[in-house]
Amino acid sequence: MIVSFSSDVKAELLTNVKGTEAVHCKIAQLLAVVNICGFVSTESYDKFIAIHNENSEIINLTASLIENLFNTEISCNKTEIVIRNEDLIDNMISLLGLRDSNDFSGITPIKYGIAERNCCKRAYIRTAFLCCGSVNDPSKHYHLEFADNDYNHAEALVELIGDFGIDMKIVERKNHFVIYCKEAEQIVDLLNVMSAYKALLEYENLRVVKEVRNNVNRIVNCETANINKIVNTSVRQIEDIKYIINKKGLGFLSENLRAVAEVRLKYPDMSLKELGEYLTPPIGKSGVNHRLKKIHEIAESLKGDYLK
């Protein structure tokens, strides 16, 4: 079974979330789960709180949080918790400030309520990522996202993450509002905010390897392009010289031009700078280039004369 980078991050976060001791952080965690995975009905004839997630670890975490915060036992299956105990429902609504899910006027305040402390903000973001987040392997491309069902909550989560100097964007994709980031540095910062330190180090290592590989490829491509340019230019220069030799002879050229022509014929693979060093006296790259351009002009002039 292939384990993705995102799965590794979540495995580390689950350990961190379970290790959170402060009650206020546990409340922030539970609110994140209910906001993202929950449905609240306050109708007297059908009062319940349902929490659904395909990851059984999230369901187990939620059950543990409810049991710890409300000193009660919770029954659940692998993917869902359904609470119908009215006293527990009322206590959860009171503690978390929950609203009926059919009330579209807004969501429970996050930043200026339960997740006011920095530690609670971190706990909320960690849990939100566990519920609906993913991050790509950085050796492929840089992308981290939260797939949220509610636009109001997506906006609130963007604001919460923004408190740590991380700029997230929102885009609608199918039935979700995707909060995303494509900047490697900001993804690293967010992993740090979520306390995914092991994943952070791995991300940085993979990112460095990718950047080095890309830089090497750019250098190789640049060197290849330069070599091709030198070769193509050299071939054209030699063709000009040979044309002049065939039509007029090398003596047709002035002494300076003849010297450059002889060196170019002798060293077809050398750069202009290297050619200049073989002349007596040596001249610079621009001087060699100037003389070879004159040779080209002469060759073109001769071609024009023979075409008339």
Protein backbone atom coordinates (compact mmCIF):
# COMPACT_ATOMS: atom_id res chain seq x y z
CA MET A 1 0.00 0.00 0.00
CA ILE A 2 1.40 3.39 -1.04
CA VAL A 3 1.14 5.99 1.71
CA SER A 4 0.84 9.55 0.44
CA PHE A 5 2.68 12.54 1.86
CA SER A 6 -0.70 13.94 2.93
CA SER A 7 -1.45 10.75 4.88
CA ASP A 8 1.89 11.03 6.68
CA VAL A 9 1.07 14.62 7.67
CA LYS A 10 -2.34 13.60 9.00
CA ALA A 11 -0.85 10.69 10.95
CA GLU A 12 1.51 13.13 12.67
CA LEU A 13 -1.28 15.64 13.31
CA LEU A 14 -3.49 12.97 14.88
CA THR A 15 -0.73 12.32 17.38
CA ASN A 16 -0.44 16.05 18.11
CA VAL A 17 -4.20 16.52 18.43
CA LYS A 18 -4.54 13.60 20.81
CA GLY A 19 -1.75 15.04 22.89
CA THR A 20 -3.52 18.38 23.45
CA GLU A 21 -4.29 18.69 27.17
CA ALA A 22 -5.80 22.16 27.60
CA VAL A 23 -9.59 22.14 27.79
CA HIS A 24 -9.92 25.33 25.74
CA CYS A 25 -7.93 23.69 22.89
CA LYS A 26 -10.13 20.60 23.04
CA ILE A 27 -13.18 22.83 22.68
CA ALA A 28 -11.58 24.43 19.60
CA GLN A 29 -10.90 20.98 18.16
CA LEU A 30 -14.47 19.82 18.70
CA LEU A 31 -15.87 23.01 17.16
CA ALA A 32 -13.70 22.45 14.07
CA VAL A 33 -15.04 18.91 13.67
CA VAL A 34 -18.68 19.97 14.07
CA ASN A 35 -18.30 22.96 11.74
CA ILE A 36 -16.77 20.85 8.99
CA CYS A 37 -18.21 17.36 9.47
CA GLY A 38 -21.33 18.00 11.52
CA PHE A 39 -25.02 18.66 11.07
CA VAL A 40 -27.04 20.25 13.87
CA SER A 41 -30.83 20.04 14.08
CA THR A 42 -32.51 22.02 16.86
CA GLU A 43 -36.08 21.16 15.84
CA SER A 44 -38.00 19.93 18.85
CA TYR A 45 -39.48 17.01 16.92
CA ASP A 46 -36.11 15.90 15.54
CA LYS A 47 -33.26 17.21 17.67
CA PHE A 48 -29.85 15.72 16.97
CA ILE A 49 -26.18 16.36 16.18
CA ALA A 50 -24.62 14.13 13.52
CA ILE A 51 -20.92 14.00 12.68
CA HIS A 52 -19.72 12.12 9.62
CA ASN A 53 -16.23 11.47 8.28
CA GLU A 54 -14.86 8.60 6.22
CA ASN A 55 -11.72 8.56 8.38
CA SER A 56 -12.47 6.45 11.47
CA GLU A 57 -9.61 8.20 13.30
CA ILE A 58 -11.56 11.49 13.11
CA ILE A 59 -14.69 9.81 14.48
CA ASN A 60 -12.69 8.24 17.33
CA LEU A 61 -11.06 11.60 18.07
CA THR A 62 -14.46 13.31 18.13
CA ALA A 63 -15.93 10.70 20.46
CA SER A 64 -12.94 11.11 22.77
CA LEU A 65 -13.31 14.91 22.82
CA ILE A 66 -17.02 14.73 23.63
CA GLU A 67 -16.44 12.16 26.39
CA ASN A 68 -13.67 14.27 27.96
CA LEU A 69 -15.48 17.61 27.71
CA PHE A 70 -18.92 16.43 28.81
CA ASN A 71 -18.01 13.46 31.01
CA THR A 72 -20.22 11.07 29.10
CA GLU A 73 -19.87 7.99 26.92
CA ILE A 74 -20.48 8.13 23.18
CA SER A 75 -21.43 5.30 20.87
CA CYS A 76 -20.31 5.51 17.26
CA ASN A 77 -19.54 3.45 14.20
CA LYS A 78 -16.49 3.82 11.97
CA THR A 79 -17.76 6.81 10.02
CA GLU A 80 -20.50 8.49 12.05
CA ILE A 81 -21.62 9.75 15.43
CA VAL A 82 -25.30 10.57 15.96
CA ILE A 83 -26.23 12.26 19.25
CA ARG A 84 -29.88 12.36 20.32
CA ASN A 85 -29.46 12.90 24.05
CA GLU A 86 -31.13 16.29 24.52
CA ASP A 87 -29.10 17.25 27.59
CA LEU A 88 -25.83 16.54 25.76
CA ILE A 89 -27.06 18.37 22.67
CA ASP A 90 -28.02 21.42 24.74
CA ASN A 91 -24.65 21.36 26.52
CA MET A 92 -22.77 21.15 23.21
CA ILE A 93 -24.84 23.97 21.71
CA SER A 94 -24.17 26.09 24.77
CA LEU A 95 -20.44 25.38 24.99
CA LEU A 96 -19.69 25.57 21.26
CA GLY A 97 -22.26 28.23 20.37
CA LEU A 98 -23.69 25.96 17.68
CA ARG A 99 -26.44 27.01 15.29
CA ASP A 100 -28.97 24.92 13.44
CA SER A 101 -27.39 23.77 10.16
CA ASN A 102 -30.49 24.99 8.31
CA ASP A 103 -29.76 28.51 9.57
CA PHE A 104 -27.72 30.03 6.74
CA SER A 105 -27.20 33.39 8.45
CA GLY A 106 -23.66 32.46 9.47
CA ILE A 107 -21.51 30.13 11.53
CA THR A 108 -20.26 29.92 15.06
CA PRO A 109 -17.65 32.67 15.59
CA ILE A 110 -14.18 31.19 15.45
CA LYS A 111 -11.52 33.85 15.70
CA TYR A 112 -13.18 36.07 18.30
CA GLY A 113 -14.72 33.29 20.33
CA ILE A 114 -13.53 29.80 21.02
CA ALA A 115 -10.31 30.05 19.00
CA GLU A 116 -9.14 33.36 20.43
CA ARG A 117 -5.85 32.15 21.93
CA ASN A 118 -3.02 31.28 19.53
CA CYS A 119 -2.87 27.72 20.88
CA CYS A 120 -6.60 27.31 20.19
CA LYS A 121 -6.21 28.75 16.69
CA ARG A 122 -3.49 26.18 16.01
CA ALA A 123 -5.65 23.39 17.42
CA TYR A 124 -8.61 24.48 15.27
CA ILE A 125 -6.51 24.65 12.08
CA ARG A 126 -4.89 21.27 12.81
CA THR A 127 -8.26 19.63 13.29
CA ALA A 128 -9.74 21.35 10.23
CA PHE A 129 -6.89 19.96 8.15
CA LEU A 130 -7.52 16.49 9.54
CA CYS A 131 -11.19 16.77 8.58
CA CYS A 132 -10.92 18.19 5.08
CA GLY A 133 -7.29 19.01 4.24
CA SER A 134 -4.65 17.60 1.92
CA VAL A 135 -1.13 18.50 0.81
CA ASN A 136 0.75 17.34 -2.26
CA ASP A 137 4.14 15.71 -2.28
CA PRO A 138 6.49 18.71 -2.79
CA SER A 139 8.69 16.70 -5.15
CA LYS A 140 5.77 16.92 -7.59
CA HIS A 141 4.18 20.31 -7.06
CA TYR A 142 3.35 22.72 -4.25
CA HIS A 143 -0.29 22.64 -3.19
CA LEU A 144 -2.13 22.53 0.14
CA GLU A 145 -5.88 22.80 0.47
CA PHE A 146 -8.97 22.50 2.67
CA ALA A 147 -12.14 21.31 0.89
CA ASP A 148 -14.97 23.00 2.83
CA ASN A 149 -18.72 22.56 2.35
CA ASP A 150 -19.64 26.00 3.68
CA TYR A 151 -18.46 29.30 2.18
CA ASN A 152 -18.91 31.25 5.42
CA HIS A 153 -16.75 28.78 7.28
CA ALA A 154 -14.17 28.82 4.46
CA GLU A 155 -13.91 32.60 4.79
CA ALA A 156 -13.57 32.33 8.58
CA LEU A 157 -10.86 29.70 8.22
CA VAL A 158 -8.95 31.89 5.74
CA GLU A 159 -9.10 34.73 8.26
CA LEU A 160 -7.95 32.48 11.08
CA ILE A 161 -4.98 31.18 9.08
CA GLY A 162 -4.24 34.75 8.01
CA ASP A 163 -3.50 35.61 11.66
CA PHE A 164 -0.25 33.67 11.16
CA GLY A 165 0.72 35.69 8.07
CA ILE A 166 -0.37 32.98 5.62
CA ASP A 167 -2.40 34.08 2.59
CA MET A 168 -4.94 31.49 1.46
CA LYS A 169 -7.27 31.76 -1.53
CA ILE A 170 -10.80 30.36 -2.05
CA VAL A 171 -12.11 28.80 -5.24
CA GLU A 172 -15.35 26.89 -5.84
CA ARG A 173 -14.84 23.34 -7.09
CA LYS A 174 -17.89 21.17 -7.69
CA ASN A 175 -19.80 21.16 -4.38
CA HIS A 176 -16.91 22.46 -2.26
CA PHE A 177 -15.21 25.73 -1.47
CA VAL A 178 -11.51 25.00 -1.69
CA ILE A 179 -9.12 27.03 0.45
CA TYR A 180 -5.70 26.63 -1.10
CA CYS A 181 -2.09 27.75 -1.13
CA LYS A 182 0.52 27.10 -3.83
CA GLU A 183 3.52 28.89 -2.29
CA ALA A 184 6.09 26.47 -0.86
CA GLU A 185 7.24 28.87 1.87
CA GLN A 186 3.67 29.48 3.06
CA ILE A 187 2.89 25.76 3.06
CA VAL A 188 5.94 25.24 5.27
CA ASP A 189 4.69 28.02 7.55
CA LEU A 190 1.27 26.37 7.79
CA LEU A 191 2.80 22.99 8.64
CA ASN A 192 4.64 24.81 11.40
CA VAL A 193 1.41 26.42 12.64
CA MET A 194 -0.19 22.96 12.77
CA SER A 195 2.87 21.61 14.67
CA ALA A 196 3.59 19.05 11.94
CA TYR A 197 7.33 19.41 12.54
CA LYS A 198 8.38 16.03 11.17
CA ALA A 199 6.38 16.63 7.99
CA LEU A 200 7.81 20.14 7.79
CA LEU A 201 11.39 18.81 7.75
CA GLU A 202 10.49 16.18 5.17
CA TYR A 203 8.73 18.81 3.05
CA GLU A 204 11.78 21.08 3.16
CA ASN A 205 14.11 18.20 2.25
CA LEU A 206 11.98 17.18 -0.73
CA ARG A 207 11.61 20.82 -1.78
CA VAL A 208 15.38 21.41 -1.67
CA VAL A 209 16.03 18.28 -3.74
CA LYS A 210 13.44 19.44 -6.28
CA GLU A 211 14.88 22.97 -6.47
CA VAL A 212 18.44 21.65 -6.87
CA ARG A 213 17.30 19.26 -9.60
CA ASN A 214 15.46 22.06 -11.39
CA ASN A 215 18.49 24.36 -11.12
CA VAL A 216 20.77 21.66 -12.49
CA ASN A 217 18.38 21.07 -15.38
CA ARG A 218 18.25 24.81 -16.11
CA ILE A 219 22.06 25.02 -16.07
CA VAL A 220 22.39 21.96 -18.32
CA ASN A 221 19.78 23.32 -20.72
CA CYS A 222 21.52 26.70 -20.76
CA GLU A 223 24.92 25.12 -21.37
CA THR A 224 23.46 22.93 -24.11
CA ALA A 225 21.88 25.97 -25.75
CA ASN A 226 25.18 27.86 -25.58
CA ILE A 227 27.10 24.92 -27.05
CA ASN A 228 24.56 24.58 -29.86
CA LYS A 229 24.82 28.30 -30.54
CA ILE A 230 28.63 28.14 -30.67
CA VAL A 231 28.54 25.09 -32.97
CA ASN A 232 25.96 26.61 -35.32
CA THR A 233 27.83 29.92 -35.46
CA SER A 234 31.14 28.13 -36.05
CA VAL A 235 29.66 26.08 -38.90
CA ARG A 236 28.36 29.23 -40.60
CA GLN A 237 31.70 31.03 -40.15
CA ILE A 238 33.64 28.09 -41.62
CA GLU A 239 31.22 27.95 -44.56
CA ASP A 240 31.88 31.67 -45.20
CA ILE A 241 35.65 31.16 -45.08
CA LYS A 242 35.56 28.12 -47.36
CA TYR A 243 33.35 29.98 -49.83
CA ILE A 244 35.88 32.83 -50.01
CA ILE A 245 38.74 30.33 -50.44
CA ASN A 246 36.90 28.57 -53.27
CA LYS A 247 36.03 31.80 -55.07
CA LYS A 248 39.00 34.06 -54.42
CA GLY A 249 41.52 32.24 -52.26
CA LEU A 250 42.50 33.06 -48.66
CA GLY A 251 44.90 35.74 -49.91
CA PHE A 252 41.88 37.78 -50.95
CA LEU A 253 41.41 38.68 -47.30
CA SER A 254 43.40 41.31 -45.44
CA GLU A 255 46.11 40.11 -43.05
CA ASN A 256 43.94 40.59 -39.94
CA LEU A 257 40.97 38.82 -41.45
CA ARG A 258 43.13 36.03 -42.87
CA ALA A 259 44.66 35.37 -39.43
CA VAL A 260 41.19 34.98 -37.86
CA ALA A 261 40.03 32.77 -40.75
CA GLU A 262 43.02 30.44 -40.35
CA VAL A 263 42.49 30.10 -36.61
CA ARG A 264 38.76 29.41 -37.06
CA LEU A 265 39.49 26.69 -39.63
CA LYS A 266 42.07 25.13 -37.32
CA TYR A 267 39.91 25.26 -34.18
CA PRO A 268 36.24 24.88 -35.25
CA ASP A 269 34.99 24.07 -31.72
CA MET A 270 36.52 27.00 -29.89
CA SER A 271 34.66 30.01 -28.57
CA LEU A 272 35.43 33.52 -29.84
CA LYS A 273 37.33 34.31 -26.66
CA GLU A 274 39.55 31.25 -27.10
CA LEU A 275 40.15 32.05 -30.77
CA GLY A 276 41.38 35.52 -29.84
CA GLU A 277 44.01 34.03 -27.54
CA TYR A 278 45.58 32.16 -30.49
CA LEU A 279 46.11 35.33 -32.52
CA THR A 280 49.33 37.34 -32.51
CA PRO A 281 48.93 39.68 -30.79
CA PRO A 282 45.93 38.25 -28.89
CA ILE A 283 42.64 40.13 -29.17
CA GLY A 284 39.38 40.04 -27.23
CA LYS A 285 36.09 38.37 -28.01
CA SER A 286 34.55 41.50 -29.52
CA GLY A 287 37.56 41.96 -31.84
CA VAL A 288 37.28 38.38 -33.11
CA ASN A 289 33.54 38.77 -33.56
CA HIS A 290 34.04 42.00 -35.52
CA ARG A 291 36.53 40.35 -37.93
CA LEU A 292 34.34 37.29 -38.47
CA LYS A 293 31.40 39.58 -39.26
CA LYS A 294 33.55 41.32 -41.87
CA ILE A 295 34.38 37.90 -43.36
CA HIS A 296 30.66 37.09 -43.48
CA GLU A 297 29.92 40.38 -45.24
CA ILE A 298 32.64 39.64 -47.81
CA ALA A 299 31.23 36.14 -48.41
CA GLU A 300 27.73 37.54 -48.87
CA SER A 301 29.06 40.21 -51.22
CA LEU A 302 30.81 37.57 -53.34
CA LYS A 303 27.62 35.48 -53.45
CA GLY A 304 25.76 38.55 -54.64
CA ASP A 305 28.29 39.22 -57.37
CA TYR A 306 28.12 35.64 -58.67
CA LEU A 307 24.32 35.74 -58.70
CA LYS A 308 24.25 38.77 -60.98
